[in-house]
Protein backbone atom coordinates (compact mmCIF):
# COMPACT_ATOMS: atom_id res chain seq x y z
CA UNK A 1 -0.03 -0.12 0.01
CA UNK A 2 1.50 3.43 -0.79
CA UNK A 3 2.30 5.82 1.81
CA UNK A 4 0.71 9.07 1.89
CA UNK A 5 1.97 12.43 3.53
CA UNK A 6 -0.62 15.05 3.40
CA UNK A 7 1.72 17.76 4.96
CA UNK A 8 4.72 17.46 2.74
CA UNK A 9 6.39 20.51 1.34
CA UNK A 10 9.60 21.03 -0.47
CA UNK A 11 12.59 22.36 1.69
CA UNK A 12 14.29 25.66 0.68
CA UNK A 13 17.21 23.64 -0.49
CA UNK A 14 14.84 21.75 -2.74
CA UNK A 15 13.35 24.87 -4.14
CA UNK A 16 16.64 26.26 -4.86
CA UNK A 17 17.49 23.13 -6.89
CA UNK A 18 14.35 23.98 -8.91
CA UNK A 19 15.60 27.38 -9.58
CA UNK A 20 18.91 25.98 -10.82
CA UNK A 21 16.93 23.29 -12.81
CA UNK A 22 15.03 26.18 -14.65
CA UNK A 23 18.12 27.98 -15.60
CA UNK A 24 19.66 24.89 -17.02
CA UNK A 25 16.59 24.54 -19.21
CA UNK A 26 17.33 28.21 -20.61
CA UNK A 27 14.62 29.99 -18.47
CA UNK A 28 17.05 33.01 -17.38
CA UNK A 29 14.26 35.55 -16.34
CA UNK A 30 13.76 35.48 -12.59
CA UNK A 31 10.25 36.35 -12.62
CA UNK A 32 9.56 33.68 -15.04
CA UNK A 33 11.49 31.16 -13.25
CA UNK A 34 9.37 32.01 -10.10
CA UNK A 35 6.48 31.13 -12.45
CA UNK A 36 7.96 27.66 -13.39
CA UNK A 37 9.23 26.93 -10.09
CA UNK A 38 5.76 27.49 -8.46
CA UNK A 39 4.21 25.07 -11.05
CA UNK A 40 6.80 22.47 -10.78
CA UNK A 41 6.89 22.61 -6.96
CA UNK A 42 3.11 22.16 -6.76
CA UNK A 43 3.21 19.04 -9.05
CA UNK A 44 6.38 17.37 -7.25
CA UNK A 45 4.83 17.88 -3.92
CA UNK A 46 1.67 16.43 -5.01
CA UNK A 47 3.79 13.32 -6.32
CA UNK A 48 5.65 13.01 -3.18
CA UNK A 49 2.48 13.36 -0.85
CA UNK A 50 1.16 10.24 -2.85
CA UNK A 51 4.31 8.45 -2.43
CA UNK A 52 6.44 9.12 0.51
CA UNK A 53 9.16 6.69 -0.71
CA UNK A 54 9.74 8.88 -3.71
CA UNK A 55 12.96 11.12 -3.50
CA UNK A 56 13.06 14.78 -4.61
CA UNK A 57 15.23 13.98 -7.66
CA UNK A 58 13.06 11.01 -8.80
CA UNK A 59 9.88 13.22 -8.41
CA UNK A 60 11.50 15.96 -10.37
CA UNK A 61 12.60 13.49 -13.19
CA UNK A 62 9.03 11.76 -13.06
CA UNK A 63 7.26 15.23 -13.44
CA UNK A 64 9.69 16.64 -16.23
CA UNK A 65 9.26 13.25 -18.29
CA UNK A 66 5.55 13.69 -17.93
CA UNK A 67 5.87 17.03 -20.01
CA UNK A 68 6.83 15.03 -22.99
CA UNK A 69 9.93 16.20 -25.19
CA UNK A 70 8.54 19.62 -25.88
CA UNK A 71 6.23 19.88 -23.12
CA UNK A 72 8.32 21.86 -20.64
CA UNK A 73 9.44 24.25 -23.34
CA UNK A 74 5.72 24.81 -24.20
CA UNK A 75 4.74 25.68 -20.55
CA UNK A 76 7.60 28.10 -20.42
CA UNK A 77 6.31 29.75 -23.69
CA UNK A 78 2.87 29.86 -22.27
CA UNK A 79 4.00 31.57 -18.99
CA UNK A 80 6.18 34.00 -20.92
CA UNK A 81 3.40 35.02 -23.29
CA UNK A 82 0.95 35.52 -20.27
CA UNK A 83 3.68 37.93 -18.67
CA UNK A 84 4.04 39.83 -22.07
CA UNK A 85 0.19 40.08 -22.44
CA UNK A 86 -0.18 41.45 -19.08
CA UNK A 87 2.70 44.29 -19.77
CA UNK A 88 0.73 44.91 -22.96
CA UNK A 89 -2.50 45.34 -21.31
CA UNK A 90 -1.16 47.64 -18.64
CA UNK A 91 0.64 49.88 -21.12
CA UNK A 92 -2.51 50.19 -23.48
CA UNK A 93 -4.53 50.91 -20.17
CA UNK A 94 -2.10 53.74 -19.45
CA UNK A 95 -2.19 54.98 -22.91
CA UNK A 96 -6.15 55.22 -22.88
CA UNK A 97 -5.98 57.11 -19.79
CA UNK A 98 -3.82 59.76 -21.55
CA UNK A 99 -6.83 60.49 -23.54
CA UNK A 100 -9.44 60.07 -20.67
CA UNK A 101 -10.70 62.69 -18.25
CA UNK A 102 -9.14 64.83 -16.83
CA UNK A 103 -5.96 64.15 -19.06
CA UNK A 104 -7.99 65.04 -22.23
CA UNK A 105 -8.30 68.66 -20.89
CA UNK A 106 -4.62 68.92 -20.51
CA UNK A 107 -4.07 67.51 -23.89
CA UNK A 108 -6.53 69.93 -25.54
CA UNK A 109 -4.90 72.75 -23.48
CA UNK A 110 -1.48 71.99 -24.90
CA UNK A 111 -2.71 71.67 -28.25
CA UNK A 112 -4.54 75.20 -28.11
CA UNK A 113 -1.33 76.54 -26.69
CA UNK A 114 0.85 75.26 -29.36
CA UNK A 115 -1.81 76.60 -32.05
CA UNK A 116 -1.74 80.19 -30.32
CA UNK A 117 2.04 80.14 -30.34
CA UNK A 118 2.18 79.21 -34.05
CA UNK A 119 0.20 82.48 -34.93
CA UNK A 120 2.53 84.76 -32.88
CA UNK A 121 5.94 82.86 -33.36
CA UNK A 122 7.78 82.05 -36.37
CA UNK A 123 6.44 78.51 -37.34
CA UNK A 124 10.13 77.26 -38.14
CA UNK A 125 11.35 78.59 -34.60
CA UNK A 126 8.47 76.89 -33.04
CA UNK A 127 9.22 73.51 -34.79
CA UNK A 128 13.02 73.81 -33.64
CA UNK A 129 11.93 74.33 -29.99
CA UNK A 130 9.59 71.37 -30.01
CA UNK A 131 12.30 69.10 -31.78
CA UNK A 132 14.91 70.23 -28.98
CA UNK A 133 12.18 69.45 -26.11
CA UNK A 134 11.51 65.98 -27.71
CA UNK A 135 15.16 65.24 -28.22
CA UNK A 136 16.13 66.03 -24.63
CA UNK A 137 13.15 64.12 -23.26
CA UNK A 138 13.83 61.05 -25.76
CA UNK A 139 17.57 61.16 -24.42
CA UNK A 140 16.79 61.30 -20.82
CA UNK A 141 14.16 58.41 -21.04
CA UNK A 142 16.80 56.36 -23.39
CA UNK A 143 19.40 57.01 -20.55
CA UNK A 144 16.91 55.89 -17.71
CA UNK A 145 16.02 52.79 -19.40
CA UNK A 146 19.33 51.75 -20.93
CA UNK A 147 20.89 51.80 -17.21
CA UNK A 148 18.25 48.97 -16.45
CA UNK A 149 19.84 46.53 -18.97
CA UNK A 150 21.14 44.30 -16.22
CA UNK A 151 17.55 44.36 -14.56
CA UNK A 152 15.74 43.56 -17.99
CA UNK A 153 18.08 40.70 -18.50
CA UNK A 154 16.63 39.16 -15.38
CA UNK A 155 13.02 40.33 -15.22
CA UNK A 156 10.87 39.62 -18.10
CA UNK A 157 8.60 42.32 -16.75
CA UNK A 158 10.97 45.01 -17.24
CA UNK A 159 12.18 43.76 -20.31
CA UNK A 160 8.65 44.14 -21.86
CA UNK A 161 8.13 47.40 -20.32
CA UNK A 162 11.18 48.81 -21.86
CA UNK A 163 9.86 47.72 -25.33
CA UNK A 164 6.75 49.81 -24.69
CA UNK A 165 8.99 52.75 -23.62
CA UNK A 166 10.70 52.39 -27.33
CA UNK A 167 7.31 51.82 -29.00
CA UNK A 168 7.16 55.57 -29.77
CA UNK A 169 10.29 55.11 -32.15
CA UNK A 170 7.82 53.92 -34.93
CA UNK A 171 5.66 57.07 -34.27
CA UNK A 172 8.76 59.20 -34.48
CA UNK A 173 9.98 57.38 -37.79
CA UNK A 174 6.65 58.19 -39.41
CA UNK A 175 6.88 61.72 -38.38
CA UNK A 176 10.33 62.18 -39.74
CA UNK A 177 9.50 60.51 -42.86
CA UNK A 178 6.43 62.71 -43.62
CA UNK A 179 8.27 65.87 -42.30
CA UNK A 180 8.81 67.38 -45.69
CA UNK A 181 4.91 67.02 -46.54
CA UNK A 182 3.74 68.38 -43.13
CA UNK A 183 3.07 72.09 -42.38
CA UNK A 184 5.20 73.19 -39.16
CA UNK A 185 2.16 73.62 -37.22
CA UNK A 186 0.90 70.02 -37.96
CA UNK A 187 4.59 68.83 -37.53
CA UNK A 188 4.77 70.50 -33.94
CA UNK A 189 1.31 69.13 -32.95
CA UNK A 190 2.63 65.43 -33.85
CA UNK A 191 5.70 66.12 -31.84
CA UNK A 192 3.46 67.26 -28.88
CA UNK A 193 1.32 64.03 -29.20
CA UNK A 194 4.69 62.05 -29.38
CA UNK A 195 5.73 63.81 -26.20
CA UNK A 196 2.94 62.95 -24.24
CA UNK A 197 2.76 59.36 -25.31
CA UNK A 198 6.56 59.10 -24.56
CA UNK A 199 5.96 60.40 -21.10
CA UNK A 200 2.96 58.13 -20.53
CA UNK A 201 4.97 55.03 -21.51
CA UNK A 202 7.83 56.15 -19.36
CA UNK A 203 5.50 56.78 -16.40
CA UNK A 204 4.22 53.27 -16.72
CA UNK A 205 7.81 51.90 -16.85
CA UNK A 206 8.55 53.59 -13.70
CA UNK A 207 5.58 52.31 -11.94
CA UNK A 208 6.28 48.78 -13.26
CA UNK A 209 9.83 49.03 -12.05
CA UNK A 210 8.76 50.06 -8.69
CA UNK A 211 6.36 47.16 -8.38
CA UNK A 212 9.35 44.86 -9.58
CA UNK A 213 11.57 46.20 -6.94
CA UNK A 214 8.99 45.57 -4.34
CA UNK A 215 8.23 41.99 -5.57
CA UNK A 216 11.76 41.02 -6.46
CA UNK A 217 14.06 42.76 -4.15
CA UNK A 218 17.00 40.08 -4.54
CA UNK A 219 17.38 41.22 -8.21
CA UNK A 220 17.52 44.70 -7.55
CA UNK A 221 20.05 44.08 -4.50
CA UNK A 222 22.57 42.49 -6.59
């Protein structure tokens, strides 16, 4: 008759082994490792509760084999896609808020101010001013994100966040490509929209970074 241990839990050392196991299987992001370790630990504990004679190594091997040749990699991809989707939803939610109440009032006020300036200031000068503002904001955000490269290599959450900060490059390319066909006022208005979107994406990145720091202090302590 099989022995049953209903209270069995993996030790800290065994959990550490699971982290090393996931890393050997090319799961390098710490937040994704946690997802996979939680999943593996739950299944292994269930196996070892059902059969107390089963060693940790044997249980791990049994569970891993049960996934099949590509099963483990498939689960990793699914968890990775879930994290990426969560980041995407957060970013679009933040972007929608930009054009929601009361931010829409600020946006319209800025557009009105730009239009008023265009009537009293040389359009070429106004464009140059906004280009300078846009350049310095872009440079500051780039420096802020680049300094987190080590963290982004360890946290998929931050890597996805940094991707959304750089998403405005597509918008920038379109504006630059169409520049010769745009009036200075339209060009300046588009730059204004670009600045607001860039600041929004940066705000979200800072929020996600703060949450990641609270959730994964070990990564930030290195």
